Amino acid sequence: MTILNIAVWGLGSHAKNRILPLLSIMDKIKMVGVCSRDSEMVKICAEQWSCYGWNDPLQMLNSNEVDVVYIATPIGTHFSLARQAIEAGKHVWCEKPLTCSYSDTQTLVLLAEEKGKILTESFMYLFHPQFQRVKKFVGDSKRIYSVICRFGIPNLDKPGFRNNPKLCGGALWDVATYTTSALLSLFPDQQVEVIFAEVLTKDSSQVDSEGRVVLRFSQGATAYLEWGVGVAYKNEIDLWAEDGSFFTDKIFSKPKGYQPQYRIRDLYGNESVENGEQSEQFMEMFHNFARIMSDKEEAIAEKKSILQRAKLMNDIVNF
């Protein structure tokens, strides 16, 4: 069995709490090191996970022991760091979104193809059984009439880069990308048109705080997506088909041990409740990324999906 040696670039709370613990216990992945400008945090993590610790990214990128770099830094740094890693001959797994610029995303995809490297974007929820159940409903339905998808969160105590426009802070890139990626995954082979879009900023904020968009897919489905930061928590998807409807909560982020439920109505509105499968979605994502490393067709499909997501976000921004 081939073992992938991975280094994590960025040691914020998300990486420390969700990424490092899971990578450290995977059977096809070996976490060989961590990298950050925070020397104290590098020391702590390297000791905790018994791996290398680098303050100088060049030392990590020049290491022959590193196959893959997982980028877990603020969005606005992704392009520069991913480009450095690919040019150094490393595969890149990157936190979502890959960049906040369609042209930058295109550049990275082309560079990865040129260098023969794998490039992935970490929308972890796509690999949870809950989202697979949503996709099954779409596949089993006669025709999807409409979809409503909402994701909103209260203000964070420590927002960090999320309030910094230079680092692509704001609700659009941090939150809306979940909703757009979901719809593109549900209707992967269809053309999509932005019918309406607005991205709003509160008077006192440097970054956008909320927005909504209406999409029309080529086979007739309409989608209403809504997102926000500084609002009451919502995290849901509701589908209406010609022969039934489907609703599920916490489709994107989930508490530990979460067991999804599905509220399903038939043609006449009779409702049933179905319990879903528990799973750790980051673990599912890492397993899938490891599989992509040895599957050329899957690697090509991932790059295509990255470009589709970036194009739709670009269309929303420029509506």
C-alpha atoms as a PDB file:
ATOM      1  CA  MET A   1       0.000   0.000   0.000  1.00  0.00           C
ATOM      2  CA  THR A   2       1.390   3.406  -1.030  1.00  0.00           C
ATOM      3  CA  ILE A   3       1.584   5.875   1.838  1.00  0.00           C
ATOM      4  CA  LEU A   4       1.169   9.581   1.095  1.00  0.00           C
ATOM      5  CA  ASN A   5       3.418  11.866   3.113  1.00  0.00           C
ATOM      6  CA  ILE A   6       1.594  15.105   3.877  1.00  0.00           C
ATOM      7  CA  ALA A   7       2.595  18.397   5.453  1.00  0.00           C
ATOM      8  CA  VAL A   8       0.075  20.924   6.788  1.00  0.00           C
ATOM      9  CA  TRP A   9       0.758  24.566   5.985  1.00  0.00           C
ATOM     10  CA  GLY A  10      -1.096  26.777   8.467  1.00  0.00           C
ATOM     11  CA  LEU A  11      -1.843  26.118  12.129  1.00  0.00           C
ATOM     12  CA  GLY A  12      -5.000  28.016  12.961  1.00  0.00           C
ATOM     13  CA  SER A  13      -7.679  26.603  15.230  1.00  0.00           C
ATOM     14  CA  HIS A  14      -9.402  24.773  12.366  1.00  0.00           C
ATOM     15  CA  ALA A  15      -6.217  22.955  11.384  1.00  0.00           C
ATOM     16  CA  LYS A  16      -5.354  22.091  14.973  1.00  0.00           C
ATOM     17  CA  ASN A  17      -8.844  20.896  15.920  1.00  0.00           C
ATOM     18  CA  ARG A  18     -10.087  19.187  12.753  1.00  0.00           C
ATOM     19  CA  ILE A  19      -7.273  18.558  10.280  1.00  0.00           C
ATOM     20  CA  LEU A  20      -4.224  17.396  12.249  1.00  0.00           C
ATOM     21  CA  PRO A  21      -6.032  14.882  14.504  1.00  0.00           C
ATOM     22  CA  LEU A  22      -7.631  13.119  11.536  1.00  0.00           C
ATOM     23  CA  LEU A  23      -4.620  13.114   9.236  1.00  0.00           C
ATOM     24  CA  SER A  24      -2.547  11.625  12.043  1.00  0.00           C
ATOM     25  CA  ILE A  25      -4.698   8.469  12.275  1.00  0.00           C
ATOM     26  CA  MET A  26      -5.279   7.666   8.601  1.00  0.00           C
ATOM     27  CA  ASP A  27      -3.875   4.425   7.257  1.00  0.00           C
ATOM     28  CA  LYS A  28      -2.952   5.699   3.759  1.00  0.00           C
ATOM     29  CA  ILE A  29      -1.579   9.041   4.889  1.00  0.00           C
ATOM     30  CA  LYS A  30       1.375   9.916   7.062  1.00  0.00           C
ATOM     31  CA  MET A  31       1.542  13.424   8.480  1.00  0.00           C
ATOM     32  CA  VAL A  32       5.240  14.199   8.244  1.00  0.00           C
ATOM     33  CA  GLY A  33       5.270  17.852   9.236  1.00  0.00           C
ATOM     34  CA  VAL A  34       3.621  21.178   9.973  1.00  0.00           C
ATOM     35  CA  CYS A  35       4.574  24.668   8.820  1.00  0.00           C
ATOM     36  CA  SER A  36       3.727  28.117  10.173  1.00  0.00           C
ATOM     37  CA  ARG A  37       5.264  31.505  10.932  1.00  0.00           C
ATOM     38  CA  ASP A  38       4.254  30.952  14.570  1.00  0.00           C
ATOM     39  CA  SER A  39       7.378  29.237  15.911  1.00  0.00           C
ATOM     40  CA  GLU A  40       5.821  28.413  19.267  1.00  0.00           C
ATOM     41  CA  MET A  41       2.802  26.766  17.663  1.00  0.00           C
ATOM     42  CA  VAL A  42       5.040  24.836  15.275  1.00  0.00           C
ATOM     43  CA  LYS A  43       7.015  23.511  18.235  1.00  0.00           C
ATOM     44  CA  ILE A  44       3.866  22.492  20.119  1.00  0.00           C
ATOM     45  CA  CYS A  45       2.271  20.731  17.137  1.00  0.00           C
ATOM     46  CA  ALA A  46       5.474  19.014  16.037  1.00  0.00           C
ATOM     47  CA  GLU A  47       5.919  17.581  19.525  1.00  0.00           C
ATOM     48  CA  GLN A  48       2.264  16.591  19.866  1.00  0.00           C
ATOM     49  CA  TRP A  49       2.133  14.796  16.518  1.00  0.00           C
ATOM     50  CA  SER A  50       5.742  13.558  16.440  1.00  0.00           C
ATOM     51  CA  CYS A  51       6.521  15.188  13.110  1.00  0.00           C
ATOM     52  CA  TYR A  52       8.767  17.821  11.565  1.00  0.00           C
ATOM     53  CA  GLY A  53       8.100  21.462  12.329  1.00  0.00           C
ATOM     54  CA  TRP A  54       9.058  24.174   9.855  1.00  0.00           C
ATOM     55  CA  ASN A  55       8.991  27.950  10.221  1.00  0.00           C
ATOM     56  CA  ASP A  56      10.619  28.373   6.827  1.00  0.00           C
ATOM     57  CA  PRO A  57       8.251  27.178   4.040  1.00  0.00           C
ATOM     58  CA  LEU A  58      11.212  26.598   1.720  1.00  0.00           C
ATOM     59  CA  GLN A  59      12.510  23.883   4.032  1.00  0.00           C
ATOM     60  CA  MET A  60       9.149  22.129   3.831  1.00  0.00           C
ATOM     61  CA  LEU A  61       8.873  22.572   0.058  1.00  0.00           C
ATOM     62  CA  ASN A  62      12.417  21.316  -0.486  1.00  0.00           C
ATOM     63  CA  SER A  63      11.884  18.217   1.629  1.00  0.00           C
ATOM     64  CA  ASN A  64      11.882  14.954  -0.312  1.00  0.00           C
ATOM     65  CA  GLU A  65       9.724  13.472   2.423  1.00  0.00           C
ATOM     66  CA  VAL A  66       6.718  15.632   1.510  1.00  0.00           C
ATOM     67  CA  ASP A  67       4.392  14.423  -1.261  1.00  0.00           C
ATOM     68  CA  VAL A  68       1.350  16.569  -0.526  1.00  0.00           C
ATOM     69  CA  VAL A  69       0.906  20.003   1.033  1.00  0.00           C
ATOM     70  CA  TYR A  70      -2.405  20.685   2.766  1.00  0.00           C
ATOM     71  CA  ILE A  71      -3.002  24.444   2.771  1.00  0.00           C
ATOM     72  CA  ALA A  72      -4.973  25.619   5.812  1.00  0.00           C
ATOM     73  CA  THR A  73      -4.250  29.358   5.740  1.00  0.00           C
ATOM     74  CA  PRO A  74      -6.566  32.356   5.107  1.00  0.00           C
ATOM     75  CA  ILE A  75      -8.265  32.368   1.705  1.00  0.00           C
ATOM     76  CA  GLY A  76      -6.331  35.359   0.430  1.00  0.00           C
ATOM     77  CA  THR A  77      -3.018  33.485   0.764  1.00  0.00           C
ATOM     78  CA  HIS A  78      -4.115  30.299  -1.031  1.00  0.00           C
ATOM     79  CA  PHE A  79      -3.038  31.328  -4.527  1.00  0.00           C
ATOM     80  CA  SER A  80       0.511  32.248  -3.596  1.00  0.00           C
ATOM     81  CA  LEU A  81       1.055  29.233  -1.352  1.00  0.00           C
ATOM     82  CA  ALA A  82      -0.517  26.733  -3.744  1.00  0.00           C
ATOM     83  CA  ARG A  83       1.567  28.052  -6.619  1.00  0.00           C
ATOM     84  CA  GLN A  84       4.753  27.723  -4.563  1.00  0.00           C
ATOM     85  CA  ALA A  85       3.879  24.174  -3.583  1.00  0.00           C
ATOM     86  CA  ILE A  86       3.026  23.048  -7.113  1.00  0.00           C
ATOM     87  CA  GLU A  87       6.166  24.654  -8.535  1.00  0.00           C
ATOM     88  CA  ALA A  88       8.153  22.801  -5.864  1.00  0.00           C
ATOM     89  CA  GLY A  89       6.742  19.516  -7.187  1.00  0.00           C
ATOM     90  CA  LYS A  90       4.128  18.913  -4.494  1.00  0.00           C
ATOM     91  CA  HIS A  91       0.508  17.909  -4.835  1.00  0.00           C
ATOM     92  CA  VAL A  92      -1.866  20.402  -3.203  1.00  0.00           C
ATOM     93  CA  TRP A  93      -4.956  19.834  -1.109  1.00  0.00           C
ATOM     94  CA  CYS A  94      -6.388  23.248  -0.274  1.00  0.00           C
ATOM     95  CA  GLU A  95      -9.048  24.558   2.063  1.00  0.00           C
ATOM     96  CA  LYS A  96     -12.062  26.013   0.296  1.00  0.00           C
ATOM     97  CA  PRO A  97     -12.239  28.111  -1.757  1.00  0.00           C
ATOM     98  CA  LEU A  98      -9.031  27.548  -3.686  1.00  0.00           C
ATOM     99  CA  THR A  99      -8.847  31.278  -4.466  1.00  0.00           C
ATOM    100  CA  CYS A 100     -11.188  34.280  -4.581  1.00  0.00           C
ATOM    101  CA  SER A 101     -10.319  35.009  -8.222  1.00  0.00           C
ATOM    102  CA  TYR A 102     -11.434  33.046 -11.276  1.00  0.00           C
ATOM    103  CA  SER A 103      -8.244  33.921 -13.156  1.00  0.00           C
ATOM    104  CA  ASP A 104      -6.072  32.830 -10.215  1.00  0.00           C
ATOM    105  CA  THR A 105      -7.950  29.536 -10.034  1.00  0.00           C
ATOM    106  CA  GLN A 106      -7.453  28.995 -13.760  1.00  0.00           C
ATOM    107  CA  THR A 107      -3.734  29.683 -13.334  1.00  0.00           C
ATOM    108  CA  LEU A 108      -3.391  27.084 -10.585  1.00  0.00           C
ATOM    109  CA  VAL A 109      -5.343  24.432 -12.497  1.00  0.00           C
ATOM    110  CA  LEU A 110      -3.202  24.961 -15.595  1.00  0.00           C
ATOM    111  CA  LEU A 111      -0.002  24.923 -13.533  1.00  0.00           C
ATOM    112  CA  ALA A 112      -1.004  21.678 -11.820  1.00  0.00           C
ATOM    113  CA  GLU A 113      -1.709  20.100 -15.219  1.00  0.00           C
ATOM    114  CA  GLU A 114       1.623  21.318 -16.567  1.00  0.00           C
ATOM    115  CA  LYS A 115       3.529  19.912 -13.592  1.00  0.00           C
ATOM    116  CA  GLY A 116       1.492  16.701 -13.426  1.00  0.00           C
ATOM    117  CA  LYS A 117       0.261  17.432  -9.897  1.00  0.00           C
ATOM    118  CA  ILE A 118      -3.045  16.771  -8.167  1.00  0.00           C
ATOM    119  CA  LEU A 119      -5.058  19.776  -7.002  1.00  0.00           C
ATOM    120  CA  THR A 120      -8.101  19.504  -4.747  1.00  0.00           C
ATOM    121  CA  GLU A 121     -10.487  21.882  -2.990  1.00  0.00           C
ATOM    122  CA  SER A 122     -11.732  20.963   0.478  1.00  0.00           C
ATOM    123  CA  PHE A 123     -15.529  21.080   0.506  1.00  0.00           C
ATOM    124  CA  MET A 124     -15.751  18.369   3.128  1.00  0.00           C
ATOM    125  CA  TYR A 125     -19.566  18.087   3.249  1.00  0.00           C
ATOM    126  CA  LEU A 126     -19.642  16.762  -0.348  1.00  0.00           C
ATOM    127  CA  PHE A 127     -18.293  13.430   0.923  1.00  0.00           C
ATOM    128  CA  HIS A 128     -20.653  12.905   3.854  1.00  0.00           C
ATOM    129  CA  PRO A 129     -23.416  10.279   3.411  1.00  0.00           C
ATOM    130  CA  GLN A 130     -25.920  13.058   4.107  1.00  0.00           C
ATOM    131  CA  PHE A 131     -25.052  14.858   0.888  1.00  0.00           C
ATOM    132  CA  GLN A 132     -25.003  11.575  -1.000  1.00  0.00           C
ATOM    133  CA  ARG A 133     -28.597  11.054   0.186  1.00  0.00           C
ATOM    134  CA  VAL A 134     -29.543  14.479  -1.178  1.00  0.00           C
ATOM    135  CA  LYS A 135     -27.988  13.522  -4.518  1.00  0.00           C
ATOM    136  CA  LYS A 136     -29.968  10.264  -4.505  1.00  0.00           C
ATOM    137  CA  PHE A 137     -33.209  12.194  -4.087  1.00  0.00           C
ATOM    138  CA  VAL A 138     -32.275  14.349  -7.081  1.00  0.00           C
ATOM    139  CA  GLY A 139     -31.389  11.277  -9.145  1.00  0.00           C
ATOM    140  CA  ASP A 140     -34.567   9.415  -8.213  1.00  0.00           C
ATOM    141  CA  SER A 141     -36.932  12.335  -8.820  1.00  0.00           C
ATOM    142  CA  LYS A 142     -38.794  12.928 -12.091  1.00  0.00           C
ATOM    143  CA  ARG A 143     -37.652  16.543 -12.207  1.00  0.00           C
ATOM    144  CA  ILE A 144     -36.413  18.990  -9.585  1.00  0.00           C
ATOM    145  CA  TYR A 145     -38.639  22.048  -9.575  1.00  0.00           C
ATOM    146  CA  SER A 146     -36.679  24.208  -7.128  1.00  0.00           C
ATOM    147  CA  VAL A 147     -34.039  24.209  -4.401  1.00  0.00           C
ATOM    148  CA  ILE A 148     -33.671  26.527  -1.424  1.00  0.00           C
ATOM    149  CA  CYS A 149     -30.308  26.455   0.325  1.00  0.00           C
ATOM    150  CA  ARG A 150     -29.343  28.650   3.258  1.00  0.00           C
ATOM    151  CA  PHE A 151     -26.181  28.961   5.329  1.00  0.00           C
ATOM    152  CA  GLY A 152     -25.795  31.675   7.950  1.00  0.00           C
ATOM    153  CA  ILE A 153     -23.761  31.986  11.126  1.00  0.00           C
ATOM    154  CA  PRO A 154     -23.589  34.405  14.085  1.00  0.00           C
ATOM    155  CA  ASN A 155     -20.570  36.674  14.416  1.00  0.00           C
ATOM    156  CA  LEU A 156     -17.528  34.766  15.607  1.00  0.00           C
ATOM    157  CA  ASP A 157     -15.731  35.782  18.811  1.00  0.00           C
ATOM    158  CA  LYS A 158     -12.432  35.648  16.930  1.00  0.00           C
ATOM    159  CA  PRO A 159     -13.165  36.226  13.246  1.00  0.00           C
ATOM    160  CA  GLY A 160      -9.504  36.568  12.275  1.00  0.00           C
ATOM    161  CA  PHE A 161      -9.020  36.963   8.524  1.00  0.00           C
ATOM    162  CA  ARG A 162     -12.775  36.920   7.946  1.00  0.00           C
ATOM    163  CA  ASN A 163     -12.917  40.677   8.613  1.00  0.00           C
ATOM    164  CA  ASN A 164      -9.912  41.452   6.407  1.00  0.00           C
ATOM    165  CA  PRO A 165     -10.763  42.303   2.781  1.00  0.00           C
ATOM    166  CA  LYS A 166      -7.119  41.802   1.728  1.00  0.00           C
ATOM    167  CA  LEU A 167      -7.405  38.154   2.809  1.00  0.00           C
ATOM    168  CA  CYS A 168     -10.742  37.602   1.036  1.00  0.00           C
ATOM    169  CA  GLY A 169     -12.732  37.977   4.206  1.00  0.00           C
ATOM    170  CA  GLY A 170     -16.489  38.324   4.158  1.00  0.00           C
ATOM    171  CA  ALA A 171     -19.552  36.108   3.915  1.00  0.00           C
ATOM    172  CA  LEU A 172     -19.363  35.567   0.160  1.00  0.00           C
ATOM    173  CA  TRP A 173     -16.104  33.610   0.130  1.00  0.00           C
ATOM    174  CA  ASP A 174     -16.380  32.097   3.596  1.00  0.00           C
ATOM    175  CA  VAL A 175     -20.034  31.008   3.531  1.00  0.00           C
ATOM    176  CA  ALA A 176     -21.679  31.418   0.111  1.00  0.00           C
ATOM    177  CA  THR A 177     -19.172  29.076  -1.498  1.00  0.00           C
ATOM    178  CA  TYR A 178     -20.800  26.190   0.364  1.00  0.00           C
ATOM    179  CA  THR A 179     -24.202  26.881  -1.153  1.00  0.00           C
ATOM    180  CA  THR A 180     -22.946  27.353  -4.720  1.00  0.00           C
ATOM    181  CA  SER A 181     -20.756  24.253  -4.584  1.00  0.00           C
ATOM    182  CA  ALA A 182     -23.731  22.213  -3.359  1.00  0.00           C
ATOM    183  CA  LEU A 183     -25.941  23.177  -6.291  1.00  0.00           C
ATOM    184  CA  LEU A 184     -23.211  22.541  -8.856  1.00  0.00           C
ATOM    185  CA  SER A 185     -22.645  19.094  -7.361  1.00  0.00           C
ATOM    186  CA  LEU A 186     -26.377  18.301  -7.499  1.00  0.00           C
ATOM    187  CA  PHE A 187     -26.628  19.316 -11.175  1.00  0.00           C
ATOM    188  CA  PRO A 188     -23.091  18.601 -12.431  1.00  0.00           C
ATOM    189  CA  ASP A 189     -23.725  18.316 -16.164  1.00  0.00           C
ATOM    190  CA  GLN A 190     -26.044  21.279 -16.583  1.00  0.00           C
ATOM    191  CA  GLN A 191     -25.446  24.864 -17.614  1.00  0.00           C
ATOM    192  CA  VAL A 192     -26.250  27.442 -14.948  1.00  0.00           C
ATOM    193  CA  GLU A 193     -27.315  31.066 -15.299  1.00  0.00           C
ATOM    194  CA  VAL A 194     -27.362  33.735 -12.600  1.00  0.00           C
ATOM    195  CA  ILE A 195     -30.845  35.305 -12.704  1.00  0.00           C
ATOM    196  CA  PHE A 196     -30.333  37.604  -9.717  1.00  0.00           C
ATOM    197  CA  ALA A 197     -27.549  38.259  -7.237  1.00  0.00           C
ATOM    198  CA  GLU A 198     -26.775  40.710  -4.473  1.00  0.00           C
ATOM    199  CA  VAL A 199     -23.850  40.886  -2.075  1.00  0.00           C
ATOM    200  CA  LEU A 200     -24.439  43.341   0.777  1.00  0.00           C
ATOM    201  CA  THR A 201     -22.156  45.076   3.254  1.00  0.00           C
ATOM    202  CA  LYS A 202     -23.178  46.627   6.553  1.00  0.00           C
ATOM    203  CA  ASP A 203     -22.267  50.299   6.933  1.00  0.00           C
ATOM    204  CA  SER A 204     -19.578  49.714   9.565  1.00  0.00           C
ATOM    205  CA  SER A 205     -17.993  46.650   7.943  1.00  0.00           C
ATOM    206  CA  GLN A 206     -14.996  46.389   5.630  1.00  0.00           C
ATOM    207  CA  VAL A 207     -16.285  43.123   4.181  1.00  0.00           C
ATOM    208  CA  ASP A 208     -19.607  41.841   2.870  1.00  0.00           C
ATOM    209  CA  SER A 209     -21.963  40.355   5.434  1.00  0.00           C
ATOM    210  CA  GLU A 210     -24.828  38.748   3.492  1.00  0.00           C
ATOM    211  CA  GLY A 211     -26.201  37.929   0.083  1.00  0.00           C
ATOM    212  CA  ARG A 212     -28.577  35.929  -2.049  1.00  0.00           C
ATOM    213  CA  VAL A 213     -28.717  34.605  -5.570  1.00  0.00           C
ATOM    214  CA  VAL A 214     -31.232  32.992  -7.901  1.00  0.00           C
ATOM    215  CA  LEU A 215     -29.881  30.402 -10.338  1.00  0.00           C
ATOM    216  CA  ARG A 216     -31.522  28.707 -13.296  1.00  0.00           C
ATOM    217  CA  PHE A 217     -30.223  25.346 -14.481  1.00  0.00           C
ATOM    218  CA  SER A 218     -30.493  24.182 -18.075  1.00  0.00           C
ATOM    219  CA  GLN A 219     -32.949  21.360 -17.315  1.00  0.00           C
ATOM    220  CA  GLY A 220     -35.361  23.739 -15.603  1.00  0.00           C
ATOM    221  CA  ALA A 221     -34.526  23.731 -11.889  1.00  0.00           C
ATOM    222  CA  THR A 222     -34.434  27.078 -10.087  1.00  0.00           C
ATOM    223  CA  ALA A 223     -32.302  27.583  -6.982  1.00  0.00           C
ATOM    224  CA  TYR A 224     -32.517  30.277  -4.325  1.00  0.00           C
ATOM    225  CA  LEU A 225     -29.342  30.537  -2.245  1.00  0.00           C
ATOM    226  CA  GLU A 226     -28.960  32.751   0.795  1.00  0.00           C
ATOM    227  CA  TRP A 227     -26.053  33.296   3.164  1.00  0.00           C
ATOM    228  CA  GLY A 228     -24.906  35.595   5.929  1.00  0.00           C
ATOM    229  CA  VAL A 229     -22.558  36.297   8.808  1.00  0.00           C
ATOM    230  CA  GLY A 230     -23.912  38.022  11.910  1.00  0.00           C
ATOM    231  CA  VAL A 231     -27.304  36.305  11.633  1.00  0.00           C
ATOM    232  CA  ALA A 232     -29.087  33.489  13.438  1.00  0.00           C
ATOM    233  CA  TYR A 233     -27.650  30.084  12.537  1.00  0.00           C
ATOM    234  CA  LYS A 234     -29.114  28.325   9.505  1.00  0.00           C
ATOM    235  CA  ASN A 235     -27.607  25.433   7.590  1.00  0.00           C
ATOM    236  CA  GLU A 236     -30.134  23.610   5.422  1.00  0.00           C
ATOM    237  CA  ILE A 237     -31.297  22.487   2.008  1.00  0.00           C
ATOM    238  CA  ASP A 238     -34.881  22.045   0.805  1.00  0.00           C
ATOM    239  CA  LEU A 239     -35.723  20.418  -2.547  1.00  0.00           C
ATOM    240  CA  TRP A 240     -39.072  20.432  -4.326  1.00  0.00           C
ATOM    241  CA  ALA A 241     -39.617  17.933  -7.125  1.00  0.00           C
ATOM    242  CA  GLU A 242     -42.578  17.108  -9.343  1.00  0.00           C
ATOM    243  CA  ASP A 243     -43.192  13.923  -7.343  1.00  0.00           C
ATOM    244  CA  GLY A 244     -42.118  14.868  -3.818  1.00  0.00           C
ATOM    245  CA  SER A 245     -39.964  17.053  -1.588  1.00  0.00           C
ATOM    246  CA  PHE A 246     -36.931  16.628   0.660  1.00  0.00           C
ATOM    247  CA  PHE A 247     -35.477  18.639   3.561  1.00  0.00           C
ATOM    248  CA  THR A 248     -32.407  18.131   5.714  1.00  0.00           C
ATOM    249  CA  ASP A 249     -30.619  20.279   8.293  1.00  0.00           C
ATOM    250  CA  LYS A 250     -26.921  20.886   9.020  1.00  0.00           C
ATOM    251  CA  ILE A 251     -25.958  19.970   5.472  1.00  0.00           C
ATOM    252  CA  PHE A 252     -22.620  21.814   5.601  1.00  0.00           C
ATOM    253  CA  SER A 253     -21.048  21.995   9.065  1.00  0.00           C
ATOM    254  CA  LYS A 254     -22.005  19.390  11.654  1.00  0.00           C
ATOM    255  CA  PRO A 255     -21.386  18.813  15.367  1.00  0.00           C
ATOM    256  CA  LYS A 256     -19.375  15.771  16.340  1.00  0.00           C
ATOM    257  CA  GLY A 257     -21.396  12.573  16.134  1.00  0.00           C
ATOM    258  CA  TYR A 258     -24.246  14.235  14.222  1.00  0.00           C
ATOM    259  CA  GLN A 259     -26.877  11.887  12.822  1.00  0.00           C
ATOM    260  CA  PRO A 260     -28.766  13.539   9.976  1.00  0.00           C
ATOM    261  CA  GLN A 261     -32.506  13.315   9.519  1.00  0.00           C
ATOM    262  CA  TYR A 262     -34.415  13.604   6.262  1.00  0.00           C
ATOM    263  CA  ARG A 263     -37.979  14.880   6.040  1.00  0.00           C
ATOM    264  CA  ILE A 264     -39.455  13.427   2.862  1.00  0.00           C
ATOM    265  CA  ARG A 265     -42.892  14.096   1.404  1.00  0.00           C
ATOM    266  CA  ASP A 266     -44.520  12.162  -1.406  1.00  0.00           C
ATOM    267  CA  LEU A 267     -46.640  13.481  -4.272  1.00  0.00           C
ATOM    268  CA  TYR A 268     -49.604  14.071  -1.940  1.00  0.00           C
ATOM    269  CA  GLY A 269     -47.681  15.680   0.904  1.00  0.00           C
ATOM    270  CA  ASN A 270     -47.514  12.639   3.183  1.00  0.00           C
ATOM    271  CA  GLU A 271     -44.373  13.031   5.284  1.00  0.00           C
ATOM    272  CA  SER A 272     -41.929  10.430   6.542  1.00  0.00           C
ATOM    273  CA  VAL A 273     -38.751  10.912   8.553  1.00  0.00           C
ATOM    274  CA  GLU A 274     -35.633   8.943   7.714  1.00  0.00           C
ATOM    275  CA  ASN A 275     -32.542   8.728   9.913  1.00  0.00           C
ATOM    276  CA  GLY A 276     -29.213   9.055   8.154  1.00  0.00           C
ATOM    277  CA  GLU A 277     -25.744   7.696   8.755  1.00  0.00           C
ATOM    278  CA  GLN A 278     -23.208   9.206  11.138  1.00  0.00           C
ATOM    279  CA  SER A 279     -19.820   9.959   9.636  1.00  0.00           C
ATOM    280  CA  GLU A 280     -16.789  12.243  10.007  1.00  0.00           C
ATOM    281  CA  GLN A 281     -16.893  14.288   6.831  1.00  0.00           C
ATOM    282  CA  PHE A 282     -13.272  15.419   6.913  1.00  0.00           C
ATOM    283  CA  MET A 283     -12.182  11.797   7.160  1.00  0.00           C
ATOM    284  CA  GLU A 284     -14.412  10.910   4.213  1.00  0.00           C
ATOM    285  CA  MET A 285     -12.885  13.771   2.247  1.00  0.00           C
ATOM    286  CA  PHE A 286      -9.317  12.698   2.990  1.00  0.00           C
ATOM    287  CA  HIS A 287     -10.082   9.157   1.886  1.00  0.00           C
ATOM    288  CA  ASN A 288     -11.470  10.523  -1.362  1.00  0.00           C
ATOM    289  CA  PHE A 289      -8.462  12.791  -1.923  1.00  0.00           C
ATOM    290  CA  ALA A 290      -6.138   9.828  -1.387  1.00  0.00           C
ATOM    291  CA  ARG A 291      -8.126   7.868  -3.974  1.00  0.00           C
ATOM    292  CA  ILE A 292      -7.879  10.736  -6.466  1.00  0.00           C
ATOM    293  CA  MET A 293      -4.096  10.569  -6.237  1.00  0.00           C
ATOM    294  CA  SER A 294      -4.104   7.293  -8.173  1.00  0.00           C
ATOM    295  CA  ASP A 295      -7.146   7.887 -10.390  1.00  0.00           C
ATOM    296  CA  LYS A 296      -6.430  10.086 -13.398  1.00  0.00           C
ATOM    297  CA  GLU A 297     -10.082  10.468 -14.391  1.00  0.00           C
ATOM    298  CA  GLU A 298     -11.066  11.501 -10.873  1.00  0.00           C
ATOM    299  CA  ALA A 299      -8.211  14.007 -10.774  1.00  0.00           C
ATOM    300  CA  ILE A 300      -9.412  15.553 -14.032  1.00  0.00           C
ATOM    301  CA  ALA A 301     -12.992  15.657 -12.734  1.00  0.00           C
ATOM    302  CA  GLU A 302     -11.846  17.427  -9.549  1.00  0.00           C
ATOM    303  CA  LYS A 303     -10.073  20.151 -11.534  1.00  0.00           C
ATOM    304  CA  LYS A 304     -13.179  20.573 -13.703  1.00  0.00           C
ATOM    305  CA  SER A 305     -15.313  20.985 -10.577  1.00  0.00           C
ATOM    306  CA  ILE A 306     -12.889  23.541  -9.143  1.00  0.00           C
ATOM    307  CA  LEU A 307     -13.175  25.617 -12.325  1.00  0.00           C
ATOM    308  CA  GLN A 308     -16.988  25.347 -12.402  1.00  0.00           C
ATOM    309  CA  ARG A 309     -17.229  26.548  -8.823  1.00  0.00           C
ATOM    310  CA  ALA A 310     -14.862  29.452  -9.462  1.00  0.00           C
ATOM    311  CA  LYS A 311     -16.736  30.449 -12.630  1.00  0.00           C
ATOM    312  CA  LEU A 312     -20.096  30.557 -10.854  1.00  0.00           C
ATOM    313  CA  MET A 313     -18.679  32.670  -8.013  1.00  0.00           C
ATOM    314  CA  ASN A 314     -17.186  35.009 -10.616  1.00  0.00           C
ATOM    315  CA  ASP A 315     -20.589  35.322 -12.315  1.00  0.00           C
ATOM    316  CA  ILE A 316     -22.209  36.188  -8.980  1.00  0.00           C
ATOM    317  CA  VAL A 317     -19.577  38.812  -8.153  1.00  0.00           C
ATOM    318  CA  ASN A 318     -19.954  40.412 -11.573  1.00  0.00           C
ATOM    319  CA  PHE A 319     -23.749  40.229 -11.847  1.00  0.00           C
END
